[in-house]
Amino acid sequence: MEVGQYGNKKIEYKMKENIAIIPARGGSKRIPKKNIIDFNGKPMIAWTIKAALETGIFSKVLVSTDSEEIASHSRDFGAEVPFLRDEFYDDITPVSKATCDALIKAQEYWGIEFNTVTQLMANCPLRKAEHISSFYKKFEDYEVDFLLSCFKFGWMKPLWAFKKNDDNSHSFLFAEAIKERSQDLDELFCPTGSIWMAKARALIKSKSFYGPGQVFEEIDWIAAVDIDDYNDLNMAKSLSQTSLN
């Protein structure tokens, strides 16, 4: 047994374990009750809970929410919600802070010092257990403190992006790139909240997954789909006809 301390509270810790934390606040605006909206016959969050449980990696799968309704649905599908979030549930605070807070409270609640923490966003329902397991193997192999998922831009070409001005003119963000052929453009990648992993102590210290020496790992773009609005939702539902079967 180890003895640790958070604030003024001393805790006897059991052997080190891994935890998955699923942030799911109740105040979504673009899609009301987004985290529990129906997605292929289940609340959206259920698909993330299912994926986390099926990996066998995590001793605890915790949902961090301020909503008793979300908590109830989460428990129905096998997640643990021993406490509700009492801060960091506005639409301004970075989600990393909420996850870090949940991690600290989970360690105090269960008396476990977790070795790793994996943040799985509830609005990424197309990410499956196999994606998480493969990502975890990379995390172990790389021996880094922070590993964040990303996907490669395909048919979209961000280097050709432009802004439309009020007078209907336009301004290219990368003027030189517009002269290049698509096959000659540099490959670009975008972060996705699908799978973020960290050493637990490193996350508590930095309070952000964008901690010192963070590394990005590419995942399949379908597993990376992050639902923020109804257009995203409709696309994810179309893709799910093959990816979830």
C-alpha atoms as a PDB file:
ATOM      1  CA  MET A   1       0.000   0.000   0.000  1.00  0.00           C
ATOM      2  CA  GLU A   2       1.095   3.591  -0.677  1.00  0.00           C
ATOM      3  CA  VAL A   3       0.092   6.652   1.274  1.00  0.00           C
ATOM      4  CA  GLY A   4      -0.693   9.758  -0.754  1.00  0.00           C
ATOM      5  CA  GLN A   5      -2.212  13.112  -0.002  1.00  0.00           C
ATOM      6  CA  TYR A   6      -4.557  15.522  -1.793  1.00  0.00           C
ATOM      7  CA  GLY A   7      -5.063  18.748   0.085  1.00  0.00           C
ATOM      8  CA  ASN A   8      -5.310  17.869   3.763  1.00  0.00           C
ATOM      9  CA  LYS A   9      -6.648  14.374   3.121  1.00  0.00           C
ATOM     10  CA  LYS A  10      -4.332  11.359   3.427  1.00  0.00           C
ATOM     11  CA  ILE A  11      -5.290   8.279   1.432  1.00  0.00           C
ATOM     12  CA  GLU A  12      -4.010   4.727   1.455  1.00  0.00           C
ATOM     13  CA  TYR A  13      -3.782   3.727  -2.182  1.00  0.00           C
ATOM     14  CA  LYS A  14      -4.250   0.273  -3.626  1.00  0.00           C
ATOM     15  CA  MET A  15      -2.252  -1.020  -6.605  1.00  0.00           C
ATOM     16  CA  LYS A  16      -2.139   1.334  -9.584  1.00  0.00           C
ATOM     17  CA  GLU A  17      -5.007   1.005 -12.046  1.00  0.00           C
ATOM     18  CA  ASN A  18      -6.467   2.682 -15.142  1.00  0.00           C
ATOM     19  CA  ILE A  19      -9.602   4.824 -15.282  1.00  0.00           C
ATOM     20  CA  ALA A  20     -11.738   6.008 -18.177  1.00  0.00           C
ATOM     21  CA  ILE A  21     -13.559   9.290 -17.618  1.00  0.00           C
ATOM     22  CA  ILE A  22     -16.452  10.273 -19.879  1.00  0.00           C
ATOM     23  CA  PRO A  23     -17.282  13.995 -19.554  1.00  0.00           C
ATOM     24  CA  ALA A  24     -20.982  14.613 -20.174  1.00  0.00           C
ATOM     25  CA  ARG A  25     -22.373  17.893 -18.932  1.00  0.00           C
ATOM     26  CA  GLY A  26     -26.088  18.488 -19.168  1.00  0.00           C
ATOM     27  CA  GLY A  27     -26.142  21.997 -20.628  1.00  0.00           C
ATOM     28  CA  SER A  28     -25.484  21.358 -24.317  1.00  0.00           C
ATOM     29  CA  LYS A  29     -27.045  24.104 -26.458  1.00  0.00           C
ATOM     30  CA  ARG A  30     -26.580  23.252 -30.129  1.00  0.00           C
ATOM     31  CA  ILE A  31     -28.217  19.856 -29.550  1.00  0.00           C
ATOM     32  CA  PRO A  32     -30.233  19.913 -26.308  1.00  0.00           C
ATOM     33  CA  LYS A  33     -29.523  16.838 -24.142  1.00  0.00           C
ATOM     34  CA  LYS A  34     -26.964  15.806 -26.765  1.00  0.00           C
ATOM     35  CA  ASN A  35     -25.202  13.234 -24.605  1.00  0.00           C
ATOM     36  CA  ILE A  36     -28.369  11.175 -24.151  1.00  0.00           C
ATOM     37  CA  ILE A  37     -30.105  11.877 -27.450  1.00  0.00           C
ATOM     38  CA  ASP A  38     -31.169   8.710 -29.268  1.00  0.00           C
ATOM     39  CA  PHE A  39     -28.400   7.331 -31.453  1.00  0.00           C
ATOM     40  CA  ASN A  40     -29.271   4.051 -33.156  1.00  0.00           C
ATOM     41  CA  GLY A  41     -31.648   2.981 -30.430  1.00  0.00           C
ATOM     42  CA  LYS A  42     -29.511   3.933 -27.415  1.00  0.00           C
ATOM     43  CA  PRO A  43     -28.610   7.148 -25.616  1.00  0.00           C
ATOM     44  CA  MET A  44     -25.533   8.513 -27.370  1.00  0.00           C
ATOM     45  CA  ILE A  45     -23.367   8.128 -24.262  1.00  0.00           C
ATOM     46  CA  ALA A  46     -24.133   4.399 -24.141  1.00  0.00           C
ATOM     47  CA  TRP A  47     -21.892   3.718 -27.144  1.00  0.00           C
ATOM     48  CA  THR A  48     -18.874   5.261 -25.418  1.00  0.00           C
ATOM     49  CA  ILE A  49     -19.580   3.400 -22.173  1.00  0.00           C
ATOM     50  CA  LYS A  50     -19.904   0.151 -24.123  1.00  0.00           C
ATOM     51  CA  ALA A  51     -16.603   0.717 -25.932  1.00  0.00           C
ATOM     52  CA  ALA A  52     -14.744   1.516 -22.704  1.00  0.00           C
ATOM     53  CA  LEU A  53     -16.098  -1.514 -20.849  1.00  0.00           C
ATOM     54  CA  GLU A  54     -15.355  -3.901 -23.706  1.00  0.00           C
ATOM     55  CA  THR A  55     -11.647  -3.036 -23.743  1.00  0.00           C
ATOM     56  CA  GLY A  56     -11.007  -4.637 -20.366  1.00  0.00           C
ATOM     57  CA  ILE A  57      -8.366  -1.956 -19.815  1.00  0.00           C
ATOM     58  CA  PHE A  58     -10.148   0.068 -17.159  1.00  0.00           C
ATOM     59  CA  SER A  59     -10.869  -0.850 -13.564  1.00  0.00           C
ATOM     60  CA  LYS A  60     -13.291   2.079 -13.447  1.00  0.00           C
ATOM     61  CA  VAL A  61     -15.415   3.689 -16.169  1.00  0.00           C
ATOM     62  CA  LEU A  62     -16.626   6.958 -14.676  1.00  0.00           C
ATOM     63  CA  VAL A  63     -19.098   9.424 -16.133  1.00  0.00           C
ATOM     64  CA  SER A  64     -18.494  13.003 -15.022  1.00  0.00           C
ATOM     65  CA  THR A  65     -21.771  14.905 -15.239  1.00  0.00           C
ATOM     66  CA  ASP A  66     -23.777  17.580 -13.483  1.00  0.00           C
ATOM     67  CA  SER A  67     -27.057  15.968 -14.634  1.00  0.00           C
ATOM     68  CA  GLU A  68     -28.878  13.297 -12.661  1.00  0.00           C
ATOM     69  CA  GLU A  69     -30.696  12.306 -15.863  1.00  0.00           C
ATOM     70  CA  ILE A  70     -27.400  11.619 -17.653  1.00  0.00           C
ATOM     71  CA  ALA A  71     -26.113   9.854 -14.538  1.00  0.00           C
ATOM     72  CA  SER A  72     -29.140   7.547 -14.486  1.00  0.00           C
ATOM     73  CA  HIS A  73     -28.746   6.593 -18.158  1.00  0.00           C
ATOM     74  CA  SER A  74     -25.010   6.047 -17.625  1.00  0.00           C
ATOM     75  CA  ARG A  75     -25.560   3.668 -14.720  1.00  0.00           C
ATOM     76  CA  ASP A  76     -28.095   1.743 -16.784  1.00  0.00           C
ATOM     77  CA  PHE A  77     -25.354   0.935 -19.286  1.00  0.00           C
ATOM     78  CA  GLY A  78     -22.700  -0.042 -16.750  1.00  0.00           C
ATOM     79  CA  ALA A  79     -20.781   3.138 -15.966  1.00  0.00           C
ATOM     80  CA  GLU A  80     -20.170   4.400 -12.443  1.00  0.00           C
ATOM     81  CA  VAL A  81     -21.384   7.819 -11.298  1.00  0.00           C
ATOM     82  CA  PRO A  82     -20.651   7.977  -7.574  1.00  0.00           C
ATOM     83  CA  PHE A  83     -20.849  11.765  -7.488  1.00  0.00           C
ATOM     84  CA  LEU A  84     -22.164  14.607  -9.639  1.00  0.00           C
ATOM     85  CA  ARG A  85     -19.981  17.372 -11.002  1.00  0.00           C
ATOM     86  CA  ASP A  86     -20.372  20.488  -8.840  1.00  0.00           C
ATOM     87  CA  GLU A  87     -18.148  22.782 -10.919  1.00  0.00           C
ATOM     88  CA  PHE A  88     -16.584  23.073 -14.383  1.00  0.00           C
ATOM     89  CA  TYR A  89     -19.904  22.386 -16.152  1.00  0.00           C
ATOM     90  CA  ASP A  90     -20.284  25.681 -18.026  1.00  0.00           C
ATOM     91  CA  ASP A  91     -19.661  25.987 -21.768  1.00  0.00           C
ATOM     92  CA  ILE A  92     -16.455  28.004 -21.306  1.00  0.00           C
ATOM     93  CA  THR A  93     -14.216  25.895 -19.049  1.00  0.00           C
ATOM     94  CA  PRO A  94     -11.890  23.509 -20.951  1.00  0.00           C
ATOM     95  CA  VAL A  95     -13.059  19.925 -20.572  1.00  0.00           C
ATOM     96  CA  SER A  96      -9.594  18.884 -19.339  1.00  0.00           C
ATOM     97  CA  LYS A  97     -10.246  20.760 -16.090  1.00  0.00           C
ATOM     98  CA  ALA A  98     -13.466  18.834 -15.506  1.00  0.00           C
ATOM     99  CA  THR A  99     -11.695  15.547 -16.199  1.00  0.00           C
ATOM    100  CA  CYS A 100      -8.820  16.440 -13.896  1.00  0.00           C
ATOM    101  CA  ASP A 101     -11.259  17.352 -11.128  1.00  0.00           C
ATOM    102  CA  ALA A 102     -13.162  14.085 -11.640  1.00  0.00           C
ATOM    103  CA  LEU A 103      -9.895  12.142 -11.489  1.00  0.00           C
ATOM    104  CA  ILE A 104      -8.887  13.697  -8.170  1.00  0.00           C
ATOM    105  CA  LYS A 105     -12.349  13.067  -6.684  1.00  0.00           C
ATOM    106  CA  ALA A 106     -12.368   9.490  -8.006  1.00  0.00           C
ATOM    107  CA  GLN A 107      -9.015   8.791  -6.355  1.00  0.00           C
ATOM    108  CA  GLU A 108     -10.301  10.150  -3.071  1.00  0.00           C
ATOM    109  CA  TYR A 109     -13.626   8.289  -3.368  1.00  0.00           C
ATOM    110  CA  TRP A 110     -12.182   4.864  -4.195  1.00  0.00           C
ATOM    111  CA  GLY A 111      -8.830   5.225  -2.452  1.00  0.00           C
ATOM    112  CA  ILE A 112      -7.007   4.303  -5.646  1.00  0.00           C
ATOM    113  CA  GLU A 113      -4.126   6.116  -7.279  1.00  0.00           C
ATOM    114  CA  PHE A 114      -4.785   5.536 -10.946  1.00  0.00           C
ATOM    115  CA  ASN A 115      -1.828   4.997 -13.231  1.00  0.00           C
ATOM    116  CA  THR A 116      -3.475   6.359 -16.375  1.00  0.00           C
ATOM    117  CA  VAL A 117      -6.566   8.376 -17.189  1.00  0.00           C
ATOM    118  CA  THR A 118      -8.353   8.148 -20.528  1.00  0.00           C
ATOM    119  CA  GLN A 119     -10.828  10.856 -21.509  1.00  0.00           C
ATOM    120  CA  LEU A 120     -13.508   9.594 -23.897  1.00  0.00           C
ATOM    121  CA  MET A 121     -15.946  12.207 -25.164  1.00  0.00           C
ATOM    122  CA  ALA A 122     -19.559  11.019 -25.154  1.00  0.00           C
ATOM    123  CA  ASN A 123     -20.236  12.741 -28.479  1.00  0.00           C
ATOM    124  CA  CYS A 124     -17.848  10.394 -30.349  1.00  0.00           C
ATOM    125  CA  PRO A 125     -20.128   7.334 -30.584  1.00  0.00           C
ATOM    126  CA  LEU A 126     -18.382   5.733 -33.579  1.00  0.00           C
ATOM    127  CA  ARG A 127     -15.152   5.078 -31.665  1.00  0.00           C
ATOM    128  CA  LYS A 128     -15.104   1.417 -30.638  1.00  0.00           C
ATOM    129  CA  ALA A 129     -13.267  -0.768 -28.134  1.00  0.00           C
ATOM    130  CA  GLU A 130     -10.718  -1.843 -30.729  1.00  0.00           C
ATOM    131  CA  HIS A 131      -9.750   1.790 -31.352  1.00  0.00           C
ATOM    132  CA  ILE A 132      -9.226   2.427 -27.633  1.00  0.00           C
ATOM    133  CA  SER A 133      -7.243  -0.788 -27.141  1.00  0.00           C
ATOM    134  CA  SER A 134      -4.966  -0.033 -30.085  1.00  0.00           C
ATOM    135  CA  PHE A 135      -4.466   3.521 -28.826  1.00  0.00           C
ATOM    136  CA  TYR A 136      -3.571   2.271 -25.357  1.00  0.00           C
ATOM    137  CA  LYS A 137      -0.904  -0.018 -26.835  1.00  0.00           C
ATOM    138  CA  LYS A 138       0.598   3.013 -28.607  1.00  0.00           C
ATOM    139  CA  PHE A 139       0.493   4.962 -25.349  1.00  0.00           C
ATOM    140  CA  GLU A 140       2.483   2.235 -23.622  1.00  0.00           C
ATOM    141  CA  ASP A 141       4.939   1.894 -26.504  1.00  0.00           C
ATOM    142  CA  TYR A 142       5.643   5.624 -26.787  1.00  0.00           C
ATOM    143  CA  GLU A 143       6.227   6.053 -23.037  1.00  0.00           C
ATOM    144  CA  VAL A 144       4.860   9.602 -23.069  1.00  0.00           C
ATOM    145  CA  ASP A 145       2.771  11.451 -20.499  1.00  0.00           C
ATOM    146  CA  PHE A 146       0.094  12.614 -22.954  1.00  0.00           C
ATOM    147  CA  LEU A 147      -1.227  10.988 -26.147  1.00  0.00           C
ATOM    148  CA  LEU A 148      -4.059  12.709 -28.034  1.00  0.00           C
ATOM    149  CA  SER A 149      -6.071  11.421 -30.974  1.00  0.00           C
ATOM    150  CA  CYS A 150      -6.143  13.203 -34.316  1.00  0.00           C
ATOM    151  CA  PHE A 151      -7.298  12.451 -37.855  1.00  0.00           C
ATOM    152  CA  LYS A 152      -5.884  13.310 -41.235  1.00  0.00           C
ATOM    153  CA  PHE A 153      -7.798  15.677 -43.514  1.00  0.00           C
ATOM    154  CA  GLY A 154      -8.885  13.829 -46.637  1.00  0.00           C
ATOM    155  CA  TRP A 155     -10.914  15.434 -49.418  1.00  0.00           C
ATOM    156  CA  MET A 156     -11.029  18.712 -47.474  1.00  0.00           C
ATOM    157  CA  LYS A 157      -8.021  20.963 -48.093  1.00  0.00           C
ATOM    158  CA  PRO A 158      -7.543  23.383 -45.167  1.00  0.00           C
ATOM    159  CA  LEU A 159      -4.597  25.033 -46.905  1.00  0.00           C
ATOM    160  CA  TRP A 160      -7.048  26.285 -49.526  1.00  0.00           C
ATOM    161  CA  ALA A 161      -9.287  27.876 -46.883  1.00  0.00           C
ATOM    162  CA  PHE A 162     -10.545  31.424 -47.344  1.00  0.00           C
ATOM    163  CA  LYS A 163     -12.750  33.909 -45.502  1.00  0.00           C
ATOM    164  CA  LYS A 164     -15.728  35.573 -47.172  1.00  0.00           C
ATOM    165  CA  ASN A 165     -15.783  39.307 -46.535  1.00  0.00           C
ATOM    166  CA  ASP A 166     -18.827  41.531 -46.080  1.00  0.00           C
ATOM    167  CA  ASP A 167     -18.499  42.903 -49.628  1.00  0.00           C
ATOM    168  CA  ASN A 168     -18.594  39.329 -51.020  1.00  0.00           C
ATOM    169  CA  SER A 169     -14.870  39.353 -51.744  1.00  0.00           C
ATOM    170  CA  HIS A 170     -12.653  36.709 -50.204  1.00  0.00           C
ATOM    171  CA  SER A 171      -9.269  36.383 -48.495  1.00  0.00           C
ATOM    172  CA  PHE A 172      -7.215  33.219 -48.670  1.00  0.00           C
ATOM    173  CA  LEU A 173      -5.648  32.225 -45.358  1.00  0.00           C
ATOM    174  CA  PHE A 174      -2.674  30.636 -47.096  1.00  0.00           C
ATOM    175  CA  ALA A 175      -2.263  32.584 -50.322  1.00  0.00           C
ATOM    176  CA  GLU A 176       0.743  30.635 -51.624  1.00  0.00           C
ATOM    177  CA  ALA A 177      -0.915  27.243 -51.133  1.00  0.00           C
ATOM    178  CA  ILE A 178      -3.753  28.032 -53.544  1.00  0.00           C
ATOM    179  CA  LYS A 179      -1.215  27.854 -56.369  1.00  0.00           C
ATOM    180  CA  GLU A 180      -0.317  24.254 -55.558  1.00  0.00           C
ATOM    181  CA  ARG A 181      -1.943  21.057 -56.828  1.00  0.00           C
ATOM    182  CA  SER A 182      -3.863  19.085 -54.197  1.00  0.00           C
ATOM    183  CA  GLN A 183      -1.389  16.184 -54.396  1.00  0.00           C
ATOM    184  CA  ASP A 184       1.486  18.559 -53.646  1.00  0.00           C
ATOM    185  CA  LEU A 185      -0.008  20.015 -50.466  1.00  0.00           C
ATOM    186  CA  ASP A 186       1.384  19.013 -47.066  1.00  0.00           C
ATOM    187  CA  GLU A 187      -0.691  16.504 -45.121  1.00  0.00           C
ATOM    188  CA  LEU A 188      -2.594  18.192 -42.294  1.00  0.00           C
ATOM    189  CA  PHE A 189      -4.154  16.717 -39.165  1.00  0.00           C
ATOM    190  CA  CYS A 190      -6.861  17.854 -36.748  1.00  0.00           C
ATOM    191  CA  PRO A 191      -7.258  17.006 -33.040  1.00  0.00           C
ATOM    192  CA  THR A 192     -10.354  15.027 -32.064  1.00  0.00           C
ATOM    193  CA  GLY A 193     -11.697  14.402 -28.573  1.00  0.00           C
ATOM    194  CA  SER A 194     -12.259  10.731 -29.350  1.00  0.00           C
ATOM    195  CA  ILE A 195      -9.427   9.298 -27.220  1.00  0.00           C
ATOM    196  CA  TRP A 196      -7.097  11.281 -24.969  1.00  0.00           C
ATOM    197  CA  MET A 197      -4.755   9.456 -22.601  1.00  0.00           C
ATOM    198  CA  ALA A 198      -2.410  10.685 -19.899  1.00  0.00           C
ATOM    199  CA  LYS A 199      -0.432   9.536 -16.936  1.00  0.00           C
ATOM    200  CA  ALA A 200      -2.697  10.459 -14.052  1.00  0.00           C
ATOM    201  CA  ARG A 201      -0.061  12.326 -12.065  1.00  0.00           C
ATOM    202  CA  ALA A 202       0.985  14.308 -15.136  1.00  0.00           C
ATOM    203  CA  LEU A 203      -2.608  15.392 -15.816  1.00  0.00           C
ATOM    204  CA  ILE A 204      -3.139  16.480 -12.227  1.00  0.00           C
ATOM    205  CA  LYS A 205       0.043  18.517 -12.394  1.00  0.00           C
ATOM    206  CA  SER A 206      -0.659  20.201 -15.743  1.00  0.00           C
ATOM    207  CA  LYS A 207      -4.486  20.327 -15.462  1.00  0.00           C
ATOM    208  CA  SER A 208      -4.585  19.896 -19.242  1.00  0.00           C
ATOM    209  CA  PHE A 209      -4.042  17.091 -21.739  1.00  0.00           C
ATOM    210  CA  TYR A 210      -2.002  19.612 -23.692  1.00  0.00           C
ATOM    211  CA  GLY A 211       0.737  19.015 -21.172  1.00  0.00           C
ATOM    212  CA  PRO A 212       4.512  18.998 -21.656  1.00  0.00           C
ATOM    213  CA  GLY A 213       5.618  16.776 -24.518  1.00  0.00           C
ATOM    214  CA  GLN A 214       2.141  15.775 -25.681  1.00  0.00           C
ATOM    215  CA  VAL A 215       2.070  13.577 -28.783  1.00  0.00           C
ATOM    216  CA  PHE A 216      -0.685  13.141 -31.363  1.00  0.00           C
ATOM    217  CA  GLU A 217      -1.643   9.729 -32.750  1.00  0.00           C
ATOM    218  CA  GLU A 218      -3.751   9.370 -35.885  1.00  0.00           C
ATOM    219  CA  ILE A 219      -6.952   7.318 -35.689  1.00  0.00           C
ATOM    220  CA  ASP A 220      -9.489   6.364 -38.332  1.00  0.00           C
ATOM    221  CA  TRP A 221     -11.493   9.442 -39.348  1.00  0.00           C
ATOM    222  CA  ILE A 222     -14.817   7.682 -38.730  1.00  0.00           C
ATOM    223  CA  ALA A 223     -13.796   6.833 -35.158  1.00  0.00           C
ATOM    224  CA  ALA A 224     -12.808  10.496 -34.808  1.00  0.00           C
ATOM    225  CA  VAL A 225     -16.234  11.933 -35.706  1.00  0.00           C
ATOM    226  CA  ASP A 226     -17.137  14.447 -33.007  1.00  0.00           C
ATOM    227  CA  ILE A 227     -20.824  15.442 -32.894  1.00  0.00           C
ATOM    228  CA  ASP A 228     -21.424  19.104 -32.090  1.00  0.00           C
ATOM    229  CA  ASP A 229     -24.469  20.031 -34.174  1.00  0.00           C
ATOM    230  CA  TYR A 230     -27.277  18.410 -36.159  1.00  0.00           C
ATOM    231  CA  ASN A 231     -25.223  18.239 -39.357  1.00  0.00           C
ATOM    232  CA  ASP A 232     -22.588  16.219 -37.471  1.00  0.00           C
ATOM    233  CA  LEU A 233     -25.343  14.053 -35.993  1.00  0.00           C
ATOM    234  CA  ASN A 234     -26.852  13.253 -39.375  1.00  0.00           C
ATOM    235  CA  MET A 235     -23.447  12.394 -40.823  1.00  0.00           C
ATOM    236  CA  ALA A 236     -22.602  10.149 -37.863  1.00  0.00           C
ATOM    237  CA  LYS A 237     -25.916   8.326 -38.173  1.00  0.00           C
ATOM    238  CA  SER A 238     -25.237   7.647 -41.849  1.00  0.00           C
ATOM    239  CA  LEU A 239     -21.725   6.377 -41.107  1.00  0.00           C
ATOM    240  CA  SER A 240     -22.975   4.244 -38.219  1.00  0.00           C
ATOM    241  CA  GLN A 241     -24.936   1.983 -40.562  1.00  0.00           C
ATOM    242  CA  THR A 242     -21.661   0.221 -41.312  1.00  0.00           C
ATOM    243  CA  SER A 243     -19.326   1.172 -38.451  1.00  0.00           C
ATOM    244  CA  LEU A 244     -21.508  -0.006 -35.555  1.00  0.00           C
ATOM    245  CA  ASN A 245     -22.713  -3.230 -37.185  1.00  0.00           C
END
